[in-house]
N, C-alpha and C. Protein backbone atom coordinates (compact mmCIF):
# COMPACT_ATOMS: atom_id res chain seq x y z
N MET A 1 5.17 -17.41 -35.99
CA MET A 1 5.99 -18.35 -35.25
C MET A 1 5.31 -18.63 -33.90
N ALA A 2 5.29 -19.87 -33.49
CA ALA A 2 4.66 -20.25 -32.23
C ALA A 2 5.38 -19.61 -31.05
N GLY A 3 4.61 -19.10 -30.09
CA GLY A 3 5.20 -18.50 -28.90
C GLY A 3 5.52 -17.03 -29.02
N ASP A 4 5.35 -16.46 -30.22
CA ASP A 4 5.61 -15.03 -30.38
C ASP A 4 4.54 -14.23 -29.66
N SER A 5 4.94 -13.11 -29.12
CA SER A 5 3.99 -12.22 -28.46
C SER A 5 3.16 -11.50 -29.52
N PRO A 6 1.90 -11.22 -29.22
CA PRO A 6 1.09 -10.47 -30.18
C PRO A 6 1.63 -9.04 -30.29
N GLU A 7 1.45 -8.46 -31.46
CA GLU A 7 1.91 -7.08 -31.64
C GLU A 7 1.06 -6.15 -30.80
N ILE A 8 1.72 -5.17 -30.23
CA ILE A 8 1.03 -4.16 -29.44
C ILE A 8 0.98 -2.89 -30.28
N GLU A 9 -0.22 -2.36 -30.44
CA GLU A 9 -0.37 -1.15 -31.23
C GLU A 9 0.04 0.06 -30.42
N ALA A 10 0.81 0.94 -31.04
CA ALA A 10 1.20 2.19 -30.38
C ALA A 10 -0.01 3.11 -30.33
N PRO A 11 -0.17 3.86 -29.24
CA PRO A 11 -1.31 4.78 -29.18
C PRO A 11 -1.16 5.86 -30.25
N GLU A 12 -2.28 6.33 -30.71
CA GLU A 12 -2.28 7.38 -31.74
C GLU A 12 -1.80 8.69 -31.12
N LEU A 13 -0.94 9.39 -31.84
CA LEU A 13 -0.43 10.68 -31.39
C LEU A 13 -1.48 11.74 -31.66
N LYS A 14 -1.87 12.46 -30.64
CA LYS A 14 -2.89 13.50 -30.76
C LYS A 14 -2.22 14.85 -30.67
N LEU A 15 -2.37 15.65 -31.73
CA LEU A 15 -1.86 17.01 -31.72
C LEU A 15 -3.00 17.95 -31.37
N TYR A 16 -2.72 18.90 -30.49
CA TYR A 16 -3.74 19.83 -30.03
C TYR A 16 -3.48 21.22 -30.58
N THR A 17 -4.57 21.94 -30.87
CA THR A 17 -4.45 23.36 -31.16
C THR A 17 -4.24 24.07 -29.83
N LEU A 18 -3.84 25.32 -29.85
CA LEU A 18 -3.64 26.08 -28.62
C LEU A 18 -4.94 26.15 -27.82
N ASP A 19 -6.07 26.39 -28.50
CA ASP A 19 -7.36 26.45 -27.80
C ASP A 19 -7.70 25.12 -27.14
N GLU A 20 -7.47 24.00 -27.83
CA GLU A 20 -7.74 22.69 -27.25
C GLU A 20 -6.84 22.42 -26.05
N PHE A 21 -5.58 22.83 -26.16
CA PHE A 21 -4.64 22.62 -25.06
C PHE A 21 -5.05 23.40 -23.83
N VAL A 22 -5.44 24.64 -24.00
CA VAL A 22 -5.85 25.49 -22.88
C VAL A 22 -7.13 24.97 -22.24
N GLN A 23 -8.01 24.36 -23.02
CA GLN A 23 -9.30 23.90 -22.50
C GLN A 23 -9.30 22.44 -22.07
N ARG A 24 -8.13 21.80 -22.03
CA ARG A 24 -8.08 20.39 -21.63
C ARG A 24 -8.52 20.26 -20.17
N PRO A 25 -9.01 19.09 -19.79
CA PRO A 25 -9.48 18.90 -18.41
C PRO A 25 -8.33 19.04 -17.41
N THR A 26 -8.67 19.52 -16.24
CA THR A 26 -7.65 19.64 -15.20
C THR A 26 -7.32 18.25 -14.65
N VAL A 27 -6.12 18.10 -14.16
CA VAL A 27 -5.66 16.83 -13.60
C VAL A 27 -6.11 16.75 -12.15
N SER A 28 -6.68 15.61 -11.77
CA SER A 28 -7.03 15.44 -10.37
C SER A 28 -5.77 15.02 -9.60
N ASN A 29 -5.74 15.36 -8.34
CA ASN A 29 -4.56 15.11 -7.51
C ASN A 29 -4.91 14.27 -6.30
N LEU A 30 -3.96 13.46 -5.87
CA LEU A 30 -4.09 12.76 -4.60
C LEU A 30 -3.61 13.67 -3.48
N VAL A 31 -2.46 14.33 -3.68
CA VAL A 31 -1.98 15.38 -2.80
C VAL A 31 -1.79 16.59 -3.70
N ARG A 32 -2.60 17.62 -3.49
CA ARG A 32 -2.67 18.76 -4.41
C ARG A 32 -1.29 19.34 -4.74
N GLY A 33 -0.99 19.39 -6.03
CA GLY A 33 0.24 19.98 -6.51
C GLY A 33 1.48 19.11 -6.38
N VAL A 34 1.32 17.90 -5.80
CA VAL A 34 2.49 17.05 -5.57
C VAL A 34 2.32 15.68 -6.21
N ILE A 35 1.20 15.01 -5.95
CA ILE A 35 0.98 13.67 -6.48
C ILE A 35 -0.29 13.68 -7.32
N PRO A 36 -0.14 13.60 -8.65
CA PRO A 36 -1.34 13.52 -9.49
C PRO A 36 -1.97 12.13 -9.40
N ALA A 37 -3.29 12.09 -9.56
CA ALA A 37 -3.98 10.80 -9.60
C ALA A 37 -3.61 10.07 -10.88
N GLN A 38 -3.66 8.78 -10.84
CA GLN A 38 -3.40 7.92 -12.00
C GLN A 38 -2.03 8.20 -12.62
N ALA A 39 -1.02 8.24 -11.77
CA ALA A 39 0.34 8.49 -12.25
C ALA A 39 1.32 7.71 -11.40
N ILE A 40 2.49 7.51 -11.94
CA ILE A 40 3.60 6.96 -11.18
C ILE A 40 4.52 8.12 -10.87
N VAL A 41 4.92 8.24 -9.63
CA VAL A 41 5.78 9.35 -9.21
C VAL A 41 7.19 8.82 -8.99
N VAL A 42 8.16 9.48 -9.58
CA VAL A 42 9.56 9.13 -9.40
C VAL A 42 10.27 10.36 -8.85
N VAL A 43 11.04 10.16 -7.80
CA VAL A 43 11.81 11.26 -7.20
C VAL A 43 13.28 10.97 -7.44
N PHE A 44 13.97 11.91 -8.03
CA PHE A 44 15.39 11.70 -8.29
C PHE A 44 16.15 12.99 -8.02
N GLY A 45 17.44 12.86 -7.80
CA GLY A 45 18.29 14.01 -7.53
C GLY A 45 19.64 13.53 -7.05
N PRO A 46 20.49 14.47 -6.68
CA PRO A 46 21.84 14.10 -6.26
C PRO A 46 21.85 13.36 -4.92
N PRO A 47 22.89 12.57 -4.67
CA PRO A 47 23.02 11.90 -3.38
C PRO A 47 23.01 12.91 -2.23
N LYS A 48 22.46 12.50 -1.11
CA LYS A 48 22.40 13.32 0.10
C LYS A 48 21.58 14.59 -0.09
N GLY A 49 20.64 14.56 -1.04
CA GLY A 49 19.83 15.75 -1.32
C GLY A 49 18.54 15.81 -0.52
N GLY A 50 18.25 14.80 0.28
CA GLY A 50 17.04 14.80 1.11
C GLY A 50 15.85 14.10 0.47
N LYS A 51 16.09 13.35 -0.60
CA LYS A 51 14.99 12.67 -1.29
C LYS A 51 14.28 11.67 -0.37
N THR A 52 15.03 10.81 0.26
CA THR A 52 14.42 9.76 1.10
C THR A 52 13.63 10.39 2.24
N PHE A 53 14.20 11.36 2.92
CA PHE A 53 13.50 12.02 4.02
C PHE A 53 12.21 12.67 3.52
N SER A 54 12.28 13.40 2.41
CA SER A 54 11.11 14.09 1.89
C SER A 54 10.00 13.11 1.48
N VAL A 55 10.38 12.03 0.80
CA VAL A 55 9.38 11.06 0.35
C VAL A 55 8.77 10.32 1.54
N CYS A 56 9.59 9.95 2.52
CA CYS A 56 9.04 9.29 3.72
C CYS A 56 8.09 10.23 4.45
N ASP A 57 8.45 11.49 4.57
CA ASP A 57 7.59 12.49 5.22
C ASP A 57 6.27 12.63 4.45
N LEU A 58 6.37 12.77 3.13
CA LEU A 58 5.18 12.92 2.29
C LEU A 58 4.28 11.69 2.39
N THR A 59 4.86 10.50 2.26
CA THR A 59 4.02 9.30 2.26
C THR A 59 3.39 9.03 3.63
N MET A 60 4.08 9.34 4.71
CA MET A 60 3.47 9.17 6.03
C MET A 60 2.29 10.13 6.21
N HIS A 61 2.44 11.36 5.75
CA HIS A 61 1.32 12.30 5.82
C HIS A 61 0.14 11.79 4.98
N ALA A 62 0.44 11.33 3.75
CA ALA A 62 -0.63 10.84 2.86
C ALA A 62 -1.33 9.63 3.46
N ALA A 63 -0.57 8.72 4.05
CA ALA A 63 -1.16 7.51 4.64
C ALA A 63 -2.08 7.84 5.81
N HIS A 64 -1.81 8.94 6.50
CA HIS A 64 -2.63 9.33 7.64
C HIS A 64 -3.68 10.39 7.29
N GLY A 65 -3.74 10.78 5.99
CA GLY A 65 -4.74 11.76 5.57
C GLY A 65 -4.44 13.17 6.02
N LEU A 66 -3.17 13.48 6.22
CA LEU A 66 -2.77 14.80 6.70
C LEU A 66 -2.24 15.65 5.54
N ASP A 67 -2.47 16.96 5.62
CA ASP A 67 -1.88 17.87 4.63
C ASP A 67 -0.37 17.84 4.77
N TRP A 68 0.32 18.08 3.67
CA TRP A 68 1.78 18.03 3.66
C TRP A 68 2.32 19.39 3.27
N HIS A 69 2.86 20.13 4.23
CA HIS A 69 3.48 21.44 4.01
C HIS A 69 2.61 22.35 3.15
N GLY A 70 1.32 22.43 3.50
CA GLY A 70 0.40 23.31 2.80
C GLY A 70 -0.28 22.69 1.58
N CYS A 71 0.12 21.49 1.19
CA CYS A 71 -0.52 20.78 0.07
C CYS A 71 -1.64 19.92 0.63
N THR A 72 -2.86 20.17 0.18
CA THR A 72 -4.00 19.47 0.76
C THR A 72 -4.05 18.01 0.36
N ASN A 73 -4.47 17.21 1.32
CA ASN A 73 -4.65 15.77 1.13
C ASN A 73 -6.04 15.46 1.68
N PRO A 74 -7.02 15.28 0.79
CA PRO A 74 -8.40 15.16 1.26
C PRO A 74 -8.76 13.86 1.97
N ARG A 75 -7.94 12.84 1.85
CA ARG A 75 -8.29 11.55 2.47
C ARG A 75 -7.03 10.72 2.70
N ARG A 76 -7.19 9.67 3.52
CA ARG A 76 -6.06 8.75 3.73
C ARG A 76 -5.80 7.97 2.46
N LEU A 77 -4.54 7.80 2.12
CA LEU A 77 -4.16 7.08 0.90
C LEU A 77 -3.41 5.81 1.25
N ARG A 78 -3.55 4.81 0.40
CA ARG A 78 -2.72 3.61 0.53
C ARG A 78 -1.37 3.95 -0.10
N VAL A 79 -0.32 3.60 0.59
CA VAL A 79 1.02 3.98 0.15
C VAL A 79 1.88 2.74 0.00
N VAL A 80 2.58 2.65 -1.12
CA VAL A 80 3.60 1.63 -1.32
C VAL A 80 4.88 2.37 -1.63
N TYR A 81 5.89 2.16 -0.82
CA TYR A 81 7.17 2.84 -1.01
C TYR A 81 8.18 1.81 -1.50
N LEU A 82 8.64 1.95 -2.73
CA LEU A 82 9.67 1.06 -3.27
C LEU A 82 11.00 1.74 -3.05
N CYS A 83 11.81 1.10 -2.26
CA CYS A 83 13.07 1.70 -1.82
C CYS A 83 14.19 1.27 -2.76
N GLY A 84 14.74 2.20 -3.51
CA GLY A 84 15.87 1.92 -4.39
C GLY A 84 17.06 2.72 -3.91
N GLU A 85 17.62 2.34 -2.78
CA GLU A 85 18.60 3.15 -2.08
C GLU A 85 20.06 2.84 -2.35
N GLY A 86 20.40 2.31 -3.48
CA GLY A 86 21.80 2.10 -3.80
C GLY A 86 22.44 0.97 -3.02
N ILE A 87 23.75 0.95 -3.00
CA ILE A 87 24.50 -0.19 -2.49
C ILE A 87 24.37 -0.40 -0.98
N ASN A 88 24.23 0.66 -0.21
CA ASN A 88 24.15 0.52 1.25
C ASN A 88 22.74 0.27 1.76
N GLY A 89 21.76 0.40 0.89
CA GLY A 89 20.39 0.13 1.29
C GLY A 89 19.79 1.23 2.14
N PHE A 90 18.62 0.95 2.65
CA PHE A 90 17.85 1.87 3.47
C PHE A 90 18.08 1.54 4.92
N GLU A 91 18.59 2.48 5.68
CA GLU A 91 18.86 2.23 7.10
C GLU A 91 17.94 3.05 7.97
N CYS A 92 17.41 2.43 8.99
CA CYS A 92 16.60 3.13 9.98
C CYS A 92 17.45 3.27 11.24
N ALA A 93 17.70 4.48 11.63
CA ALA A 93 18.52 4.71 12.82
C ALA A 93 17.67 4.83 14.05
């Protein structure tokens, strides 16, 4: 049919043996132990749990190339913060 999207093939499922799993390559990090390279990071939790404060603190440190609470950050990172703050929005006091 005209205008139909081409079919997208699903990636092949790879099953690993225990030895293969243990010997898999280590993941590189942008901020060690917190932000893996080549990943999308989502922070979620209950309201008033400190998510916004923690993410703003982390991203400001990353943007300036500073370590974050003992997690090493080897270089300055470009940061995009998508604010999904519910009905009242994001307020700066």
